[in-house]
Amino acid sequence: MLQSTPKPQRQSVNTSIDSQLISDAKALGINISRAAEAGIAKAIAAEKTRRWQEENKQAIESSNEYVRRNGLPLAKYRLF
């Protein structure tokens, strides 16, 4: 049996957006709310990635240094 995913709960917000962008979006039939939601989701993902990289910077640098000094582990078994 297929399970449907629940619709996300929506919340109205007030925001200011460049009037030319609004006009262009309307003329092109773009759903402004969905476009804004997609842009916010992309910004959130980018910030989460940036923070993860910052939090793990030391481990990433350590791993990269190991590879620089020793090469890739198990490299002799690679088929490409």
C-alpha atoms as a PDB file:
ATOM      1  CA  MET A   1       0.000   0.000   0.000  1.00  0.00           C
ATOM      2  CA  LEU A   2       1.334   3.448  -0.928  1.00  0.00           C
ATOM      3  CA  GLN A   3       1.686   5.938   1.859  1.00  0.00           C
ATOM      4  CA  SER A   4       1.171   9.565   1.019  1.00  0.00           C
ATOM      5  CA  THR A   5       3.568  12.098   2.411  1.00  0.00           C
ATOM      6  CA  PRO A   6       1.908  14.795   4.471  1.00  0.00           C
ATOM      7  CA  LYS A   7       1.812  18.256   2.946  1.00  0.00           C
ATOM      8  CA  PRO A   8       4.166  20.680   4.648  1.00  0.00           C
ATOM      9  CA  GLN A   9       2.470  23.135   6.914  1.00  0.00           C
ATOM     10  CA  ARG A  10       2.479  26.607   5.370  1.00  0.00           C
ATOM     11  CA  GLN A  11       2.896  29.910   7.153  1.00  0.00           C
ATOM     12  CA  SER A  12       2.175  33.339   5.724  1.00  0.00           C
ATOM     13  CA  VAL A  13       4.960  35.893   6.003  1.00  0.00           C
ATOM     14  CA  ASN A  14       5.465  39.477   4.926  1.00  0.00           C
ATOM     15  CA  THR A  15       8.500  40.215   2.812  1.00  0.00           C
ATOM     16  CA  SER A  16       9.735  42.918   0.473  1.00  0.00           C
ATOM     17  CA  ILE A  17      10.827  41.882  -3.013  1.00  0.00           C
ATOM     18  CA  ASP A  18      12.046  44.030  -5.893  1.00  0.00           C
ATOM     19  CA  SER A  19       8.933  45.117  -7.806  1.00  0.00           C
ATOM     20  CA  GLN A  20      10.518  44.344 -11.186  1.00  0.00           C
ATOM     21  CA  LEU A  21      11.155  40.766 -10.075  1.00  0.00           C
ATOM     22  CA  ILE A  22       7.506  40.445  -9.052  1.00  0.00           C
ATOM     23  CA  SER A  23       6.332  41.821 -12.411  1.00  0.00           C
ATOM     24  CA  ASP A  24       8.639  39.532 -14.378  1.00  0.00           C
ATOM     25  CA  ALA A  25       7.638  36.479 -12.347  1.00  0.00           C
ATOM     26  CA  LYS A  26       3.944  37.183 -12.834  1.00  0.00           C
ATOM     27  CA  ALA A  27       4.438  37.759 -16.574  1.00  0.00           C
ATOM     28  CA  LEU A  28       6.214  34.411 -16.845  1.00  0.00           C
ATOM     29  CA  GLY A  29       3.628  32.558 -14.762  1.00  0.00           C
ATOM     30  CA  ILE A  30       6.089  31.780 -11.975  1.00  0.00           C
ATOM     31  CA  ASN A  31       4.586  30.879  -8.627  1.00  0.00           C
ATOM     32  CA  ILE A  32       6.308  33.465  -6.446  1.00  0.00           C
ATOM     33  CA  SER A  33       5.691  31.649  -3.168  1.00  0.00           C
ATOM     34  CA  ARG A  34       7.124  28.381  -4.499  1.00  0.00           C
ATOM     35  CA  ALA A  35      10.083  30.161  -6.091  1.00  0.00           C
ATOM     36  CA  ALA A  36      10.832  31.954  -2.818  1.00  0.00           C
ATOM     37  CA  GLU A  37      10.486  28.676  -0.926  1.00  0.00           C
ATOM     38  CA  ALA A  38      12.915  26.966  -3.311  1.00  0.00           C
ATOM     39  CA  GLY A  39      15.394  29.823  -2.950  1.00  0.00           C
ATOM     40  CA  ILE A  40      15.193  29.718   0.839  1.00  0.00           C
ATOM     41  CA  ALA A  41      15.641  25.924   0.824  1.00  0.00           C
ATOM     42  CA  LYS A  42      18.729  26.323  -1.388  1.00  0.00           C
ATOM     43  CA  ALA A  43      20.159  29.009   0.920  1.00  0.00           C
ATOM     44  CA  ILE A  44      19.554  26.781   3.960  1.00  0.00           C
ATOM     45  CA  ALA A  45      21.284  23.819   2.296  1.00  0.00           C
ATOM     46  CA  ALA A  46      24.263  25.992   1.325  1.00  0.00           C
ATOM     47  CA  GLU A  47      24.598  27.384   4.858  1.00  0.00           C
ATOM     48  CA  LYS A  48      24.329  23.909   6.419  1.00  0.00           C
ATOM     49  CA  THR A  49      27.055  22.697   4.045  1.00  0.00           C
ATOM     50  CA  ARG A  50      29.268  25.684   4.883  1.00  0.00           C
ATOM     51  CA  ARG A  51      28.826  25.127   8.608  1.00  0.00           C
ATOM     52  CA  TRP A  52      29.497  21.379   8.321  1.00  0.00           C
ATOM     53  CA  GLN A  53      32.674  22.065   6.372  1.00  0.00           C
ATOM     54  CA  GLU A  54      33.772  24.625   8.965  1.00  0.00           C
ATOM     55  CA  GLU A  55      33.016  22.268  11.858  1.00  0.00           C
ATOM     56  CA  ASN A  56      34.924  19.444  10.162  1.00  0.00           C
ATOM     57  CA  LYS A  57      37.718  21.543   8.677  1.00  0.00           C
ATOM     58  CA  GLN A  58      40.442  20.005  10.843  1.00  0.00           C
ATOM     59  CA  ALA A  59      39.420  16.420  10.002  1.00  0.00           C
ATOM     60  CA  ILE A  60      39.159  17.218   6.281  1.00  0.00           C
ATOM     61  CA  GLU A  61      42.601  18.864   6.262  1.00  0.00           C
ATOM     62  CA  SER A  62      44.063  15.923   8.178  1.00  0.00           C
ATOM     63  CA  SER A  63      42.610  13.442   5.710  1.00  0.00           C
ATOM     64  CA  ASN A  64      43.834  15.454   2.739  1.00  0.00           C
ATOM     65  CA  GLU A  65      47.316  15.687   4.257  1.00  0.00           C
ATOM     66  CA  TYR A  66      47.377  11.911   4.756  1.00  0.00           C
ATOM     67  CA  VAL A  67      46.499  11.372   1.087  1.00  0.00           C
ATOM     68  CA  ARG A  68      49.145  13.894  -0.018  1.00  0.00           C
ATOM     69  CA  ARG A  69      51.796  12.063   2.011  1.00  0.00           C
ATOM     70  CA  ASN A  70      50.693   8.463   1.455  1.00  0.00           C
ATOM     71  CA  GLY A  71      48.435   8.400  -1.581  1.00  0.00           C
ATOM     72  CA  LEU A  72      44.940   6.985  -1.622  1.00  0.00           C
ATOM     73  CA  PRO A  73      44.354   3.995   0.622  1.00  0.00           C
ATOM     74  CA  LEU A  74      43.847   0.810  -1.411  1.00  0.00           C
ATOM     75  CA  ALA A  75      44.816   2.668  -4.619  1.00  0.00           C
ATOM     76  CA  LYS A  76      46.528  -0.461  -5.934  1.00  0.00           C
ATOM     77  CA  TYR A  77      43.133  -2.177  -6.098  1.00  0.00           C
ATOM     78  CA  ARG A  78      41.470   0.518  -8.222  1.00  0.00           C
ATOM     79  CA  LEU A  79      40.381  -0.613 -11.653  1.00  0.00           C
ATOM     80  CA  PHE A  80      40.540   2.846 -13.218  1.00  0.00           C
END
